[in-house]
Every structure is written in structure tokens, then in C-alpha cells.
């Protein structure tokens, strides 16, 4: 069955690589894996062979009947539709209600990587998330402060999860091959996130604004991005413990979280003033 370009399909068929990906998920018997986009079922089979139950969401109607036939009699359930239109936790609720841990995995369409990552890291959280993504995306997610790849994506994810780039997969391993190399990205949600769930959007907005001035000093970046004067910029940076001369690209994740709190505190007090 040919891959559909409009769905971003690139099939991985190397069983050794598939087994490595399944192993990277950490899935074992007594767990359930929600697989995003099983396609022809190559990764599905490797996941099932770990002993885990697999609940798969497939949008391509050409694949659904074949998947159902292929995995008949195994611990497999198929949901037909768009993964972004479902509550993932509700899909696995029949298994997790009895205390079974759940994980998320998939060889995902690269053009919807960001919304899938957002959904995967929205409460209620799985034990882990393992996605095949563009190498460039994986590099950005795991980048530490001070690295050229460090930015809004790094901070947004590292605030709620611990990311690991497991290993690379060359473009030639896929059929058809994508134009870029890929990497296996493994995320473990933090037991205690560095930022509250209802603040993630505000953190991303703040960081994105500041990183448009990534080569500027934080004092100027805060002034320009937030539209405040120098006195306010100095005050919120001091409260957050950030050097005014530092650049956004070297400020650690917790620094931006403290800055968000300082900015919100200032705005709350300022708006409350008659």
C-alpha cells in the first residue's frame, strides 16, 4: 500500500530499528500503549511483542481494515479517526481504570509534530511519550541553555518533561524516504512540573516573544517584547534573578518561569492600581 503524501506518511520497515523504538518506549506487559498513526502496523507489531496492549489511532481508512485483520486475536484495539480530535486519556480509560500505566508512541506525521507534542504533554499525562520526529526537532527539544538549538520549544517541553534523544534514523530507512533524517525522541513527564498546566500557554508566549530578541540583552528584550519601560524591566528581571545583560539564549528554563511569575505579579499589581 502506497504512502499518502498528504498525510505525511513515511513507513519504517526495518525490524531491528522498530524493535529499538519499541524498547525505547519502556513498554512492558501490564501496560497500554496509545500508538499514533500505526500505518501498516510495523511499529504496532514491535510494540505488541513487548507484551503491552496497543490502542492505535489511524486516520487513513485504507489501513484500518488491514490492521484489524493483521492483529486479530492480539491485545490490540483500533480507533479510526484523527488523533487530534480525541481525548487520549479517555481512549485508554478502559485499561487505565484498573491501574494499568499508559504510554504514547508513534511514527508521527512531521507536519503536525507540534500539536501532537502539545496533546501528549497535556494532563492527564502518560508515563512516557516516544515519537519519531525530525532530527532538527529532537535537537531543539533536548537543547540546554546556551546551545544554538535552545529556544521556545526547548523551554516549553523541558518545563513539563525530561526529554532524551535516543538515537538517529537515516532518511533512507523509510519508504518513501523523507527529505530529512529522523530521531527517536523520548519524553518522561515530570512528577512535579516546573510550571502549572494552566500557565504553559503563557510561558510559551513569553518565551517566544523574548526569543525574537535572542541576541539582545534581556533588559532590552523585556522592554521591547513586553512594551514596558526600563524601570519595570529592571524590576522584573531582578525579581526573577536574571542578569539584565544576559541574553535569552543563556537563561535556563527555571529563569523564564520565575520571570513569568514576576511579570504576572507586576501586571496584577499595576492593573489593580486606580
Protein backbone atom coordinates (compact mmCIF):
# COMPACT_ATOMS: atom_id res chain seq x y z
CA UNK A 1 0.00 0.00 0.00
CA UNK A 2 1.49 3.31 -1.10
CA UNK A 3 2.12 6.11 1.37
CA UNK A 4 -0.06 9.19 1.13
CA UNK A 5 1.96 12.37 0.88
CA UNK A 6 -0.97 14.49 2.08
CA UNK A 7 -0.94 12.54 5.37
CA UNK A 8 2.82 12.83 5.79
CA UNK A 9 3.26 9.06 5.65
CA UNK A 10 6.76 7.55 5.63
CA UNK A 11 6.81 3.85 6.52
CA UNK A 12 9.66 2.33 8.53
CA UNK A 13 10.10 -1.38 7.84
CA UNK A 14 13.49 -2.29 9.35
CA UNK A 15 12.58 -4.71 12.15
CA UNK A 16 15.78 -4.06 14.09
CA UNK A 17 15.04 -0.33 14.20
CA UNK A 18 11.40 -0.99 15.06
CA UNK A 19 12.43 -3.21 17.97
CA UNK A 20 14.79 -0.49 19.21
CA UNK A 21 11.98 2.06 19.09
CA UNK A 22 9.64 -0.28 20.95
CA UNK A 23 12.35 -0.83 23.53
CA UNK A 24 12.87 2.91 23.90
CA UNK A 25 9.22 3.32 24.91
CA UNK A 26 9.83 1.26 28.04
CA UNK A 27 6.56 -0.60 27.42
CA UNK A 28 6.10 -3.97 29.12
CA UNK A 29 3.36 -6.48 29.83
CA UNK A 30 0.67 -4.97 32.01
CA UNK A 31 0.84 -1.59 30.27
CA UNK A 32 -1.11 0.00 27.44
CA UNK A 33 0.48 1.98 24.61
CA UNK A 34 -1.53 4.53 22.67
CA UNK A 35 0.01 4.47 19.20
CA UNK A 36 -0.48 7.49 16.96
CA UNK A 37 -0.67 6.62 13.26
CA UNK A 38 0.15 2.90 13.06
CA UNK A 39 0.05 2.92 9.25
CA UNK A 40 0.80 -0.60 8.03
CA UNK A 41 1.39 -1.84 11.58
CA UNK A 42 5.16 -2.35 11.58
CA UNK A 43 5.75 -0.49 14.85
CA UNK A 44 2.47 -1.85 16.21
CA UNK A 45 3.80 -5.39 15.94
CA UNK A 46 7.03 -4.48 17.71
CA UNK A 47 5.04 -2.79 20.49
CA UNK A 48 2.76 -5.81 20.88
CA UNK A 49 5.81 -8.05 21.12
CA UNK A 50 6.84 -6.19 24.29
CA UNK A 51 3.77 -7.72 25.92
CA UNK A 52 1.91 -4.42 26.12
CA UNK A 53 -1.63 -3.79 24.95
CA UNK A 54 -1.76 -1.41 21.97
CA UNK A 55 -4.58 1.03 21.28
CA UNK A 56 -3.94 2.64 17.89
CA UNK A 57 -5.47 5.71 16.24
CA UNK A 58 -5.39 5.63 12.43
CA UNK A 59 -6.75 8.33 10.14
CA UNK A 60 -6.13 6.56 6.81
CA UNK A 61 -9.22 4.48 6.05
CA UNK A 62 -7.19 2.26 3.70
CA UNK A 63 -5.21 0.94 6.68
CA UNK A 64 -7.93 0.25 9.23
CA UNK A 65 -9.35 -3.00 7.86
CA UNK A 66 -5.87 -4.42 7.20
CA UNK A 67 -4.74 -3.55 10.72
CA UNK A 68 -7.80 -5.19 12.26
CA UNK A 69 -7.15 -8.38 10.29
CA UNK A 70 -3.42 -8.40 10.95
CA UNK A 71 -3.73 -8.13 14.71
CA UNK A 72 -6.88 -10.15 15.28
CA UNK A 73 -6.56 -12.19 18.45
CA UNK A 74 -3.86 -9.96 19.94
CA UNK A 75 -4.13 -7.29 22.64
CA UNK A 76 -4.94 -4.65 20.06
CA UNK A 77 -7.71 -2.09 19.64
CA UNK A 78 -8.11 0.29 16.71
CA UNK A 79 -9.69 3.73 16.72
CA UNK A 80 -10.45 5.20 13.28
CA UNK A 81 -10.02 8.96 13.04
CA UNK A 82 -7.78 11.97 13.62
CA UNK A 83 -5.65 11.70 16.77
CA UNK A 84 -6.06 15.42 17.46
CA UNK A 85 -9.84 15.05 17.71
CA UNK A 86 -9.81 12.60 20.63
CA UNK A 87 -9.11 12.76 24.35
CA UNK A 88 -6.20 10.34 24.55
CA UNK A 89 -6.72 9.58 28.21
CA UNK A 90 -10.34 8.64 27.52
CA UNK A 91 -9.32 6.23 24.77
CA UNK A 92 -7.17 4.21 27.17
CA UNK A 93 -9.50 4.63 30.16
CA UNK A 94 -10.90 1.06 29.89
CA UNK A 95 -7.37 -0.16 30.70
CA UNK A 96 -6.06 2.57 32.99
CA UNK A 97 -9.19 2.43 35.17
CA UNK A 98 -7.78 -0.76 36.69
CA UNK A 99 -4.44 0.91 37.38
CA UNK A 100 -2.64 -0.05 34.15
CA UNK A 101 0.05 2.51 33.22
CA UNK A 102 -0.17 4.05 29.75
CA UNK A 103 2.34 5.39 27.29
CA UNK A 104 2.20 7.20 23.95
CA UNK A 105 4.25 6.25 20.90
CA UNK A 106 4.24 6.70 17.17
CA UNK A 107 5.93 7.32 13.86
CA UNK A 108 4.07 10.60 13.53
CA UNK A 109 3.46 12.90 10.54
CA UNK A 110 6.12 15.58 10.83
CA UNK A 111 3.82 18.39 9.75
CA UNK A 112 1.75 18.03 12.93
CA UNK A 113 4.61 17.36 15.35
CA UNK A 114 3.95 20.44 17.50
CA UNK A 115 0.22 19.87 18.10
CA UNK A 116 0.87 16.18 18.83
CA UNK A 117 3.57 17.07 21.36
CA UNK A 118 1.21 19.59 22.95
CA UNK A 119 -1.54 16.99 23.21
CA UNK A 120 0.81 14.32 24.56
CA UNK A 121 2.00 16.61 27.34
CA UNK A 122 -1.44 17.86 28.36
CA UNK A 123 -2.92 16.38 31.57
CA UNK A 124 -3.79 13.67 32.36
CA UNK A 125 -0.26 12.65 31.45
CA UNK A 126 1.07 9.29 30.24
CA UNK A 127 4.10 7.63 31.81
CA UNK A 128 6.13 8.49 28.71
CA UNK A 129 5.94 9.71 25.13
CA UNK A 130 8.12 8.25 22.36
CA UNK A 131 7.84 9.80 18.90
CA UNK A 132 9.84 9.62 15.70
CA UNK A 133 10.44 13.25 14.78
CA UNK A 134 12.73 15.26 12.55
CA UNK A 135 16.27 15.25 13.90
CA UNK A 136 16.18 19.04 13.96
CA UNK A 137 13.10 18.99 16.20
CA UNK A 138 14.64 16.47 18.59
CA UNK A 139 17.80 18.58 18.80
CA UNK A 140 15.74 21.65 19.69
CA UNK A 141 13.69 19.82 22.31
CA UNK A 142 16.71 18.49 24.22
CA UNK A 143 18.97 21.56 23.81
CA UNK A 144 20.29 23.07 27.06
CA UNK A 145 20.52 26.79 27.77
CA UNK A 146 23.39 28.32 25.82
CA UNK A 147 23.13 25.90 22.90
CA UNK A 148 22.34 27.24 19.43
CA UNK A 149 19.25 25.00 19.27
CA UNK A 150 17.88 26.22 22.61
CA UNK A 151 14.66 28.16 22.29
CA UNK A 152 10.94 28.31 22.95
CA UNK A 153 10.37 24.65 22.05
CA UNK A 154 13.15 23.51 24.40
CA UNK A 155 11.79 25.55 27.29
CA UNK A 156 8.13 24.69 26.75
CA UNK A 157 8.80 20.96 26.83
CA UNK A 158 11.55 20.89 29.44
CA UNK A 159 9.26 22.75 31.83
CA UNK A 160 6.91 19.76 31.94
CA UNK A 161 9.02 16.77 30.87
CA UNK A 162 12.54 15.35 30.78
CA UNK A 163 13.49 14.78 27.11
CA UNK A 164 16.04 12.36 25.66
CA UNK A 165 17.13 11.97 22.05
CA UNK A 166 17.51 8.20 21.93
CA UNK A 167 19.04 7.52 18.50
CA UNK A 168 19.01 8.66 14.88
CA UNK A 169 17.25 7.04 11.95
CA UNK A 170 18.51 7.94 8.46
CA UNK A 171 16.05 9.08 5.82
CA UNK A 172 16.90 6.03 3.70
CA UNK A 173 15.34 3.71 6.29
CA UNK A 174 11.85 4.95 5.37
CA UNK A 175 9.65 4.22 2.36
CA UNK A 176 9.34 6.70 0.78
CA UNK A 177 12.35 8.46 2.33
CA UNK A 178 11.66 11.89 3.84
CA UNK A 179 13.94 14.79 2.97
CA UNK A 180 15.43 14.88 6.46
CA UNK A 181 16.91 12.47 8.97
CA UNK A 182 14.83 11.47 11.96
CA UNK A 183 15.38 10.78 15.63
CA UNK A 184 13.59 8.89 18.36
CA UNK A 185 12.51 11.41 20.98
CA UNK A 186 11.58 10.07 24.43
CA UNK A 187 9.80 12.29 26.95
CA UNK A 188 9.09 11.49 30.59
CA UNK A 189 6.59 13.92 32.15
CA UNK A 190 7.85 15.43 35.38
CA UNK A 191 6.13 14.18 38.54
CA UNK A 192 6.06 17.84 39.59
CA UNK A 193 6.10 20.14 36.52
CA UNK A 194 8.20 23.28 36.78
CA UNK A 195 5.13 25.26 35.69
CA UNK A 196 1.42 24.73 36.35
CA UNK A 197 -0.59 23.31 33.46
CA UNK A 198 -2.69 26.46 33.14
CA UNK A 199 0.49 28.55 32.80
CA UNK A 200 2.12 26.61 29.97
CA UNK A 201 0.49 28.76 27.28
CA UNK A 202 1.57 31.97 29.00
CA UNK A 203 5.13 30.65 29.39
CA UNK A 204 5.37 29.76 25.71
CA UNK A 205 4.01 33.14 24.68
CA UNK A 206 6.51 34.96 26.91
CA UNK A 207 9.46 32.90 25.75
CA UNK A 208 8.53 33.16 22.08
CA UNK A 209 8.33 36.95 22.41
CA UNK A 210 11.70 37.18 24.15
CA UNK A 211 13.44 34.85 21.71
CA UNK A 212 12.60 37.19 18.87
CA UNK A 213 15.38 39.21 20.55
CA UNK A 214 17.62 36.22 21.33
CA UNK A 215 20.84 38.10 20.53
CA UNK A 216 19.85 41.15 22.58
CA UNK A 217 20.38 41.61 26.30
CA UNK A 218 17.45 40.60 28.48
CA UNK A 219 16.87 44.16 29.66
CA UNK A 220 16.19 45.31 26.12
CA UNK A 221 14.36 42.10 25.18
CA UNK A 222 11.93 42.53 28.09
CA UNK A 223 11.37 46.19 27.24
CA UNK A 224 10.71 45.50 23.58
CA UNK A 225 8.78 42.24 23.91
CA UNK A 226 6.54 43.34 26.77
CA UNK A 227 6.27 47.01 25.93
CA UNK A 228 7.45 48.22 29.34
CA UNK A 229 9.94 50.88 30.37
CA UNK A 230 13.45 50.30 31.66
CA UNK A 231 12.46 50.60 35.31
CA UNK A 232 9.87 47.84 35.03
CA UNK A 233 12.23 45.65 33.00
CA UNK A 234 14.91 46.00 35.67
CA UNK A 235 12.44 45.22 38.45
CA UNK A 236 11.01 42.01 36.96
CA UNK A 237 14.47 40.76 35.98
CA UNK A 238 15.76 41.38 39.49
CA UNK A 239 12.78 39.54 40.98
CA UNK A 240 13.44 36.59 38.65
CA UNK A 241 17.16 36.58 39.46
CA UNK A 242 18.18 37.19 35.85
CA UNK A 243 21.13 39.38 34.93
CA UNK A 244 19.93 42.30 32.76
CA UNK A 245 22.96 41.82 30.49
CA UNK A 246 22.22 38.12 29.88
CA UNK A 247 20.78 37.07 26.54
CA UNK A 248 17.60 34.98 26.24
CA UNK A 249 19.54 32.05 24.79
CA UNK A 250 21.51 31.54 28.03
CA UNK A 251 18.65 31.92 30.53
CA UNK A 252 17.70 28.49 31.97
CA UNK A 253 14.17 27.12 32.00
CA UNK A 254 13.53 27.97 35.64
CA UNK A 255 14.69 31.53 34.96
CA UNK A 256 11.92 32.04 32.42
CA UNK A 257 9.38 30.52 34.81
CA UNK A 258 10.44 32.95 37.54
CA UNK A 259 10.30 35.78 35.02
CA UNK A 260 6.75 34.81 34.04
CA UNK A 261 5.71 34.94 37.70
CA UNK A 262 7.39 38.33 38.15
CA UNK A 263 5.72 39.76 35.04
CA UNK A 264 2.30 38.46 36.08
CA UNK A 265 2.76 39.86 39.59
CA UNK A 266 3.69 43.26 38.19
CA UNK A 267 0.74 43.28 35.79
CA UNK A 268 -1.64 42.22 38.55
CA UNK A 269 -0.46 44.99 40.85
CA UNK A 270 -0.36 47.55 38.04
CA UNK A 271 -3.87 46.76 36.84
CA UNK A 272 -5.16 46.84 40.41
CA UNK A 273 -3.85 50.37 40.90
CA UNK A 274 -6.58 53.02 40.43
